[in-house]
C-alpha atoms as a PDB file:
ATOM      1  CA  UNK A   1     -28.153  25.634  11.154  1.00  0.00           C
ATOM      2  CA  UNK A   2     -24.364  25.479  13.646  1.00  0.00           C
ATOM      3  CA  UNK A   3     -25.243  24.395  17.232  1.00  0.00           C
ATOM      4  CA  UNK A   4     -23.487  26.674  19.773  1.00  0.00           C
ATOM      5  CA  UNK A   5     -20.246  25.754  21.615  1.00  0.00           C
ATOM      6  CA  UNK A   6     -22.440  25.643  24.812  1.00  0.00           C
ATOM      7  CA  UNK A   7     -24.784  23.617  23.410  1.00  0.00           C
ATOM      8  CA  UNK A   8     -25.416  21.006  26.466  1.00  0.00           C
ATOM      9  CA  UNK A   9     -25.114  18.114  23.550  1.00  0.00           C
ATOM     10  CA  UNK A  10     -22.211  19.305  22.101  1.00  0.00           C
ATOM     11  CA  UNK A  11     -20.427  19.912  25.438  1.00  0.00           C
ATOM     12  CA  UNK A  12     -21.370  15.998  26.671  1.00  0.00           C
ATOM     13  CA  UNK A  13     -19.339  14.692  23.623  1.00  0.00           C
ATOM     14  CA  UNK A  14     -16.616  17.608  23.654  1.00  0.00           C
ATOM     15  CA  UNK A  15     -15.455  16.066  27.168  1.00  0.00           C
ATOM     16  CA  UNK A  16     -14.950  12.755  26.191  1.00  0.00           C
ATOM     17  CA  UNK A  17     -12.458  13.673  23.074  1.00  0.00           C
ATOM     18  CA  UNK A  18     -10.044  14.387  25.774  1.00  0.00           C
ATOM     19  CA  UNK A  19      -7.468  11.703  26.179  1.00  0.00           C
ATOM     20  CA  UNK A  20      -7.439   9.819  29.221  1.00  0.00           C
ATOM     21  CA  UNK A  21      -5.207   6.733  30.631  1.00  0.00           C
ATOM     22  CA  UNK A  22      -5.243   4.827  33.589  1.00  0.00           C
ATOM     23  CA  UNK A  23      -1.682   4.167  35.147  1.00  0.00           C
ATOM     24  CA  UNK A  24      -1.043   2.126  38.172  1.00  0.00           C
ATOM     25  CA  UNK A  25       2.033   2.955  40.374  1.00  0.00           C
ATOM     26  CA  UNK A  26       4.518   2.002  38.421  1.00  0.00           C
ATOM     27  CA  UNK A  27       3.116   4.075  35.512  1.00  0.00           C
ATOM     28  CA  UNK A  28       2.354   1.149  33.841  1.00  0.00           C
ATOM     29  CA  UNK A  29      -0.729   1.967  31.743  1.00  0.00           C
ATOM     30  CA  UNK A  30      -3.858   0.165  32.142  1.00  0.00           C
ATOM     31  CA  UNK A  31      -5.955   1.810  29.929  1.00  0.00           C
ATOM     32  CA  UNK A  32      -6.258   4.136  27.243  1.00  0.00           C
ATOM     33  CA  UNK A  33      -8.819   6.390  25.452  1.00  0.00           C
ATOM     34  CA  UNK A  34      -8.256   9.024  22.689  1.00  0.00           C
ATOM     35  CA  UNK A  35      -4.706   9.300  22.523  1.00  0.00           C
ATOM     36  CA  UNK A  36      -3.424  10.470  19.313  1.00  0.00           C
ATOM     37  CA  UNK A  37      -0.503   8.761  17.858  1.00  0.00           C
ATOM     38  CA  UNK A  38       0.057  11.510  15.415  1.00  0.00           C
ATOM     39  CA  UNK A  39       0.655  14.221  17.981  1.00  0.00           C
ATOM     40  CA  UNK A  40       3.332  14.617  20.793  1.00  0.00           C
ATOM     41  CA  UNK A  41       1.489  12.993  23.381  1.00  0.00           C
ATOM     42  CA  UNK A  42       3.874  10.170  24.107  1.00  0.00           C
ATOM     43  CA  UNK A  43       6.298  13.512  25.277  1.00  0.00           C
ATOM     44  CA  UNK A  44       3.529  14.957  26.852  1.00  0.00           C
ATOM     45  CA  UNK A  45       2.357  12.210  28.683  1.00  0.00           C
ATOM     46  CA  UNK A  46       6.175  11.423  30.028  1.00  0.00           C
ATOM     47  CA  UNK A  47       6.678  14.878  31.400  1.00  0.00           C
ATOM     48  CA  UNK A  48       3.530  14.313  32.893  1.00  0.00           C
ATOM     49  CA  UNK A  49       4.881  11.234  34.785  1.00  0.00           C
ATOM     50  CA  UNK A  50       7.949  13.231  35.691  1.00  0.00           C
ATOM     51  CA  UNK A  51       5.855  15.897  37.498  1.00  0.00           C
ATOM     52  CA  UNK A  52       4.018  12.936  39.275  1.00  0.00           C
ATOM     53  CA  UNK A  53       7.208  10.932  40.516  1.00  0.00           C
ATOM     54  CA  UNK A  54       7.895  14.484  42.335  1.00  0.00           C
ATOM     55  CA  UNK A  55       4.724  14.125  44.298  1.00  0.00           C
ATOM     56  CA  UNK A  56       4.179  11.389  47.382  1.00  0.00           C
ATOM     57  CA  UNK A  57       0.790   9.556  46.223  1.00  0.00           C
ATOM     58  CA  UNK A  58      -2.397  10.807  48.288  1.00  0.00           C
ATOM     59  CA  UNK A  59      -5.818  10.453  46.585  1.00  0.00           C
ATOM     60  CA  UNK A  60      -6.751  13.975  44.962  1.00  0.00           C
ATOM     61  CA  UNK A  61      -6.748  15.796  42.199  1.00  0.00           C
ATOM     62  CA  UNK A  62      -3.181  17.362  40.890  1.00  0.00           C
ATOM     63  CA  UNK A  63      -3.204  19.743  37.525  1.00  0.00           C
ATOM     64  CA  UNK A  64       0.607  19.119  36.126  1.00  0.00           C
ATOM     65  CA  UNK A  65       0.929  22.134  34.023  1.00  0.00           C
ATOM     66  CA  UNK A  66       3.406  21.138  30.862  1.00  0.00           C
ATOM     67  CA  UNK A  67       3.827  24.534  29.366  1.00  0.00           C
ATOM     68  CA  UNK A  68       2.181  27.456  29.536  1.00  0.00           C
ATOM     69  CA  UNK A  69      -0.660  25.974  27.424  1.00  0.00           C
ATOM     70  CA  UNK A  70      -0.421  22.467  27.905  1.00  0.00           C
ATOM     71  CA  UNK A  71      -1.877  20.811  31.234  1.00  0.00           C
ATOM     72  CA  UNK A  72      -2.676  17.294  32.490  1.00  0.00           C
ATOM     73  CA  UNK A  73      -5.320  16.379  35.893  1.00  0.00           C
ATOM     74  CA  UNK A  74      -4.044  13.448  37.534  1.00  0.00           C
ATOM     75  CA  UNK A  75      -6.862  12.010  39.884  1.00  0.00           C
ATOM     76  CA  UNK A  76      -5.065   9.523  42.216  1.00  0.00           C
ATOM     77  CA  UNK A  77      -7.083   6.796  44.273  1.00  0.00           C
ATOM     78  CA  UNK A  78      -6.924   3.280  45.181  1.00  0.00           C
ATOM     79  CA  UNK A  79      -7.825   1.026  43.611  1.00  0.00           C
ATOM     80  CA  UNK A  80      -9.678  -2.277  44.842  1.00  0.00           C
ATOM     81  CA  UNK A  81      -6.905  -4.153  44.662  1.00  0.00           C
ATOM     82  CA  UNK A  82      -5.296  -1.357  47.478  1.00  0.00           C
ATOM     83  CA  UNK A  83      -2.826  -0.533  44.548  1.00  0.00           C
ATOM     84  CA  UNK A  84      -2.054   3.507  44.056  1.00  0.00           C
ATOM     85  CA  UNK A  85      -3.917   4.654  40.861  1.00  0.00           C
ATOM     86  CA  UNK A  86      -4.066   7.107  38.209  1.00  0.00           C
ATOM     87  CA  UNK A  87      -6.320   8.488  35.977  1.00  0.00           C
ATOM     88  CA  UNK A  88      -4.353  11.043  33.931  1.00  0.00           C
ATOM     89  CA  UNK A  89      -6.068  13.291  31.916  1.00  0.00           C
ATOM     90  CA  UNK A  90      -4.862  15.185  29.007  1.00  0.00           C
ATOM     91  CA  UNK A  91      -3.122  16.770  27.307  1.00  0.00           C
ATOM     92  CA  UNK A  92      -5.714  19.050  26.869  1.00  0.00           C
ATOM     93  CA  UNK A  93      -5.397  23.363  26.247  1.00  0.00           C
ATOM     94  CA  UNK A  94      -7.867  24.785  28.400  1.00  0.00           C
ATOM     95  CA  UNK A  95      -9.870  27.597  25.821  1.00  0.00           C
ATOM     96  CA  UNK A  96     -13.403  27.997  24.676  1.00  0.00           C
ATOM     97  CA  UNK A  97     -12.368  28.311  20.510  1.00  0.00           C
ATOM     98  CA  UNK A  98     -11.373  25.330  18.722  1.00  0.00           C
ATOM     99  CA  UNK A  99      -8.053  25.635  17.108  1.00  0.00           C
ATOM    100  CA  UNK A 100      -8.051  23.559  13.779  1.00  0.00           C
ATOM    101  CA  UNK A 101      -4.041  23.795  13.843  1.00  0.00           C
ATOM    102  CA  UNK A 102      -3.976  21.930  16.867  1.00  0.00           C
ATOM    103  CA  UNK A 103      -3.399  18.339  17.605  1.00  0.00           C
ATOM    104  CA  UNK A 104      -4.135  18.773  21.131  1.00  0.00           C
ATOM    105  CA  UNK A 105      -7.903  19.306  22.314  1.00  0.00           C
ATOM    106  CA  UNK A 106      -9.373  22.138  23.608  1.00  0.00           C
ATOM    107  CA  UNK A 107     -11.554  22.076  26.613  1.00  0.00           C
ATOM    108  CA  UNK A 108     -13.182  25.064  28.403  1.00  0.00           C
ATOM    109  CA  UNK A 109     -12.594  25.225  32.596  1.00  0.00           C
ATOM    110  CA  UNK A 110     -16.352  23.904  33.091  1.00  0.00           C
ATOM    111  CA  UNK A 111     -16.288  20.929  30.455  1.00  0.00           C
ATOM    112  CA  UNK A 112     -13.187  20.014  32.558  1.00  0.00           C
ATOM    113  CA  UNK A 113     -14.856  20.568  35.726  1.00  0.00           C
ATOM    114  CA  UNK A 114     -17.575  18.363  34.807  1.00  0.00           C
ATOM    115  CA  UNK A 115     -15.288  15.543  33.227  1.00  0.00           C
ATOM    116  CA  UNK A 116     -13.601  15.502  36.597  1.00  0.00           C
ATOM    117  CA  UNK A 117     -16.576  15.192  38.421  1.00  0.00           C
ATOM    118  CA  UNK A 118     -17.916  12.243  36.621  1.00  0.00           C
ATOM    119  CA  UNK A 119     -14.897  10.635  37.265  1.00  0.00           C
ATOM    120  CA  UNK A 120     -14.953  11.324  41.085  1.00  0.00           C
ATOM    121  CA  UNK A 121     -18.526  10.018  40.990  1.00  0.00           C
ATOM    122  CA  UNK A 122     -17.651   7.322  39.250  1.00  0.00           C
ATOM    123  CA  UNK A 123     -14.772   6.477  41.829  1.00  0.00           C
ATOM    124  CA  UNK A 124     -16.316   7.315  44.563  1.00  0.00           C
ATOM    125  CA  UNK A 125     -19.535   5.576  43.896  1.00  0.00           C
ATOM    126  CA  UNK A 126     -17.073   2.325  43.462  1.00  0.00           C
ATOM    127  CA  UNK A 127     -14.918   3.239  46.640  1.00  0.00           C
ATOM    128  CA  UNK A 128     -11.538   2.569  46.135  1.00  0.00           C
ATOM    129  CA  UNK A 129     -10.540   4.082  49.425  1.00  0.00           C
ATOM    130  CA  UNK A 130      -7.666   2.163  50.907  1.00  0.00           C
ATOM    131  CA  UNK A 131      -9.120   1.115  53.995  1.00  0.00           C
ATOM    132  CA  UNK A 132      -7.687  -0.468  57.188  1.00  0.00           C
ATOM    133  CA  UNK A 133      -9.203  -3.764  56.299  1.00  0.00           C
ATOM    134  CA  UNK A 134      -7.977  -3.624  53.325  1.00  0.00           C
ATOM    135  CA  UNK A 135      -4.242  -3.212  54.392  1.00  0.00           C
ATOM    136  CA  UNK A 136      -1.893  -6.167  54.610  1.00  0.00           C
ATOM    137  CA  UNK A 137      -0.368  -5.413  57.971  1.00  0.00           C
ATOM    138  CA  UNK A 138       2.104  -7.992  59.715  1.00  0.00           C
ATOM    139  CA  UNK A 139       3.338  -6.116  62.191  1.00  0.00           C
ATOM    140  CA  UNK A 140       1.493  -5.876  65.448  1.00  0.00           C
ATOM    141  CA  UNK A 141       2.340  -2.116  66.593  1.00  0.00           C
ATOM    142  CA  UNK A 142       0.759  -1.096  62.773  1.00  0.00           C
ATOM    143  CA  UNK A 143      -2.218  -2.937  63.390  1.00  0.00           C
ATOM    144  CA  UNK A 144      -2.739  -1.475  67.095  1.00  0.00           C
ATOM    145  CA  UNK A 145      -1.951   2.090  65.578  1.00  0.00           C
ATOM    146  CA  UNK A 146      -4.526   1.629  62.948  1.00  0.00           C
ATOM    147  CA  UNK A 147      -7.084   0.560  65.085  1.00  0.00           C
ATOM    148  CA  UNK A 148      -6.295   3.285  67.490  1.00  0.00           C
ATOM    149  CA  UNK A 149      -6.757   5.785  64.820  1.00  0.00           C
ATOM    150  CA  UNK A 150     -10.445   4.132  64.304  1.00  0.00           C
ATOM    151  CA  UNK A 151     -11.044   4.633  67.753  1.00  0.00           C
ATOM    152  CA  UNK A 152      -9.757   8.141  68.417  1.00  0.00           C
ATOM    153  CA  UNK A 153      -9.940   9.817  64.966  1.00  0.00           C
ATOM    154  CA  UNK A 154     -12.143  12.446  66.708  1.00  0.00           C
ATOM    155  CA  UNK A 155      -9.648  13.266  68.965  1.00  0.00           C
ATOM    156  CA  UNK A 156      -6.296  15.252  68.036  1.00  0.00           C
ATOM    157  CA  UNK A 157      -3.496  12.025  67.805  1.00  0.00           C
ATOM    158  CA  UNK A 158       0.105  12.587  68.722  1.00  0.00           C
ATOM    159  CA  UNK A 159       2.127  10.666  67.727  1.00  0.00           C
ATOM    160  CA  UNK A 160       4.606  10.786  70.357  1.00  0.00           C
ATOM    161  CA  UNK A 161       1.558  10.112  72.892  1.00  0.00           C
ATOM    162  CA  UNK A 162       0.727   6.941  69.969  1.00  0.00           C
ATOM    163  CA  UNK A 163       3.941   5.663  70.363  1.00  0.00           C
ATOM    164  CA  UNK A 164       4.344   6.027  74.194  1.00  0.00           C
ATOM    165  CA  UNK A 165       1.046   4.052  74.322  1.00  0.00           C
ATOM    166  CA  UNK A 166       2.560   1.296  72.154  1.00  0.00           C
ATOM    167  CA  UNK A 167       5.531   1.670  74.049  1.00  0.00           C
ATOM    168  CA  UNK A 168       7.734   1.592  70.989  1.00  0.00           C
ATOM    169  CA  UNK A 169      10.864   3.602  69.707  1.00  0.00           C
ATOM    170  CA  UNK A 170       9.292   6.851  67.624  1.00  0.00           C
ATOM    171  CA  UNK A 171      11.570   6.459  64.597  1.00  0.00           C
ATOM    172  CA  UNK A 172      11.119   2.558  64.472  1.00  0.00           C
ATOM    173  CA  UNK A 173       7.243   2.804  64.534  1.00  0.00           C
ATOM    174  CA  UNK A 174       7.197   5.722  61.617  1.00  0.00           C
ATOM    175  CA  UNK A 175      10.069   3.441  59.354  1.00  0.00           C
ATOM    176  CA  UNK A 176       7.976   0.148  59.707  1.00  0.00           C
ATOM    177  CA  UNK A 177       4.440   2.147  59.468  1.00  0.00           C
ATOM    178  CA  UNK A 178       5.369   3.500  56.216  1.00  0.00           C
ATOM    179  CA  UNK A 179       6.826   0.335  54.965  1.00  0.00           C
ATOM    180  CA  UNK A 180       3.642  -1.419  55.737  1.00  0.00           C
ATOM    181  CA  UNK A 181       0.861   1.036  54.859  1.00  0.00           C
ATOM    182  CA  UNK A 182       2.521   2.467  51.786  1.00  0.00           C
ATOM    183  CA  UNK A 183       2.542   6.385  53.691  1.00  0.00           C
ATOM    184  CA  UNK A 184       3.849   8.243  56.501  1.00  0.00           C
ATOM    185  CA  UNK A 185       1.801   8.219  60.049  1.00  0.00           C
ATOM    186  CA  UNK A 186       0.583  11.585  60.015  1.00  0.00           C
ATOM    187  CA  UNK A 187      -0.493  11.605  56.035  1.00  0.00           C
ATOM    188  CA  UNK A 188      -2.691   8.308  56.564  1.00  0.00           C
ATOM    189  CA  UNK A 189      -4.300   9.991  59.862  1.00  0.00           C
ATOM    190  CA  UNK A 190      -5.001  13.215  57.794  1.00  0.00           C
ATOM    191  CA  UNK A 191      -6.124  10.751  54.487  1.00  0.00           C
ATOM    192  CA  UNK A 192      -8.227   9.219  56.955  1.00  0.00           C
ATOM    193  CA  UNK A 193      -9.630  12.332  59.025  1.00  0.00           C
ATOM    194  CA  UNK A 194     -10.524  14.013  55.407  1.00  0.00           C
ATOM    195  CA  UNK A 195     -12.432  10.802  54.111  1.00  0.00           C
ATOM    196  CA  UNK A 196     -14.536  10.804  57.327  1.00  0.00           C
ATOM    197  CA  UNK A 197     -15.147  14.212  56.828  1.00  0.00           C
ATOM    198  CA  UNK A 198     -16.047  13.819  53.622  1.00  0.00           C
ATOM    199  CA  UNK A 199     -19.044  11.799  55.090  1.00  0.00           C
ATOM    200  CA  UNK A 200     -20.263  14.625  56.403  1.00  0.00           C
ATOM    201  CA  UNK A 201     -19.455  17.447  54.128  1.00  0.00           C
ATOM    202  CA  UNK A 202     -22.013  15.145  52.033  1.00  0.00           C
ATOM    203  CA  UNK A 203     -24.737  13.794  54.486  1.00  0.00           C
ATOM    204  CA  UNK A 204     -24.950  16.446  56.972  1.00  0.00           C
ATOM    205  CA  UNK A 205     -25.850  20.421  56.913  1.00  0.00           C
ATOM    206  CA  UNK A 206     -23.167  20.361  59.944  1.00  0.00           C
ATOM    207  CA  UNK A 207     -20.682  23.821  59.253  1.00  0.00           C
ATOM    208  CA  UNK A 208     -17.087  23.565  58.684  1.00  0.00           C
ATOM    209  CA  UNK A 209     -16.113  24.359  62.019  1.00  0.00           C
ATOM    210  CA  UNK A 210     -18.319  21.777  63.616  1.00  0.00           C
ATOM    211  CA  UNK A 211     -17.234  19.175  60.527  1.00  0.00           C
ATOM    212  CA  UNK A 212     -13.033  19.768  61.258  1.00  0.00           C
ATOM    213  CA  UNK A 213     -13.654  19.462  65.490  1.00  0.00           C
ATOM    214  CA  UNK A 214     -15.472  16.572  64.431  1.00  0.00           C
ATOM    215  CA  UNK A 215     -13.044  14.777  63.115  1.00  0.00           C
ATOM    216  CA  UNK A 216     -10.336  15.559  64.920  1.00  0.00           C
ATOM    217  CA  UNK A 217      -8.669  18.586  63.452  1.00  0.00           C
ATOM    218  CA  UNK A 218      -8.861  21.527  66.135  1.00  0.00           C
ATOM    219  CA  UNK A 219      -9.393  24.978  64.112  1.00  0.00           C
ATOM    220  CA  UNK A 220     -11.271  25.321  60.951  1.00  0.00           C
ATOM    221  CA  UNK A 221      -8.204  26.647  59.197  1.00  0.00           C
ATOM    222  CA  UNK A 222      -5.757  23.735  59.707  1.00  0.00           C
ATOM    223  CA  UNK A 223      -8.850  21.430  58.298  1.00  0.00           C
ATOM    224  CA  UNK A 224      -9.317  23.301  55.184  1.00  0.00           C
ATOM    225  CA  UNK A 225      -5.453  23.355  54.246  1.00  0.00           C
ATOM    226  CA  UNK A 226      -5.040  19.669  54.802  1.00  0.00           C
ATOM    227  CA  UNK A 227      -7.914  19.126  52.954  1.00  0.00           C
ATOM    228  CA  UNK A 228      -6.951  20.936  50.164  1.00  0.00           C
ATOM    229  CA  UNK A 229      -3.310  19.467  49.908  1.00  0.00           C
ATOM    230  CA  UNK A 230      -5.085  16.067  49.773  1.00  0.00           C
ATOM    231  CA  UNK A 231      -7.872  16.563  47.811  1.00  0.00           C
ATOM    232  CA  UNK A 232      -6.660  19.756  45.418  1.00  0.00           C
ATOM    233  CA  UNK A 233     -10.139  21.666  46.913  1.00  0.00           C
ATOM    234  CA  UNK A 234     -11.132  23.401  49.713  1.00  0.00           C
ATOM    235  CA  UNK A 235     -14.230  21.879  51.647  1.00  0.00           C
ATOM    236  CA  UNK A 236     -16.590  24.009  50.335  1.00  0.00           C
ATOM    237  CA  UNK A 237     -15.442  23.604  47.041  1.00  0.00           C
ATOM    238  CA  UNK A 238     -15.941  19.971  47.393  1.00  0.00           C
ATOM    239  CA  UNK A 239     -19.548  20.507  48.893  1.00  0.00           C
ATOM    240  CA  UNK A 240     -20.170  22.853  46.015  1.00  0.00           C
ATOM    241  CA  UNK A 241     -19.336  19.750  43.375  1.00  0.00           C
ATOM    242  CA  UNK A 242     -21.148  17.615  45.388  1.00  0.00           C
ATOM    243  CA  UNK A 243     -24.561  19.561  45.035  1.00  0.00           C
ATOM    244  CA  UNK A 244     -24.028  20.857  41.448  1.00  0.00           C
ATOM    245  CA  UNK A 245     -23.809  16.961  41.287  1.00  0.00           C
ATOM    246  CA  UNK A 246     -27.224  15.748  42.609  1.00  0.00           C
ATOM    247  CA  UNK A 247     -28.785  19.348  40.585  1.00  0.00           C
ATOM    248  CA  UNK A 248     -27.229  17.642  37.477  1.00  0.00           C
ATOM    249  CA  UNK A 249     -28.750  14.219  37.967  1.00  0.00           C
END
């Protein structure tokens, strides 16, 4: 008797057939799983990496379309060593019916979502998010800026006001901050606020407006826009995924 395609056990093993790579920030392979050397994986991977090079690194998920069928998903996070790291899932084709003539695996949207949730759960449980204490800082002004963010992220922070507080030239500050932290001041500030908001999404029943205000955004719409840019999902989608993962557990 054939097992239906929707059988949970069948789905469980199907999602682990999707090729996966772990790459460092130079896109060197740290770990490889299910890569089929008989397929065009190398060509597809090269194209996926070209796409990733066009993005400024930020923790979250990115969908990469190679053509009208073949896709990748990149999950980006900071590893223990503070190194920007990518989990590159793919190549894969979204579909529910297996194509025996294709060397690229098919996966349903639901199963892909489950796989991404599992990776994100593992990453968040080990917590690879880059924290202030983990960044090697040499410049006193950058150190003071990071401390200022920690103490004042619940308020709206202006880079002009911060530079005035630090008594430092804005252009010089922006340059030295990006050099030492690895991203722009605005990107770091938004990532910090989004990470803080994730805790509230996980552990409270606060409305999105209350959460937005709690982490220093002046309106819910802008908070949702920044959250999606960084994580590739809205705050509602993030909260719902957490709820669904708890139900599965």
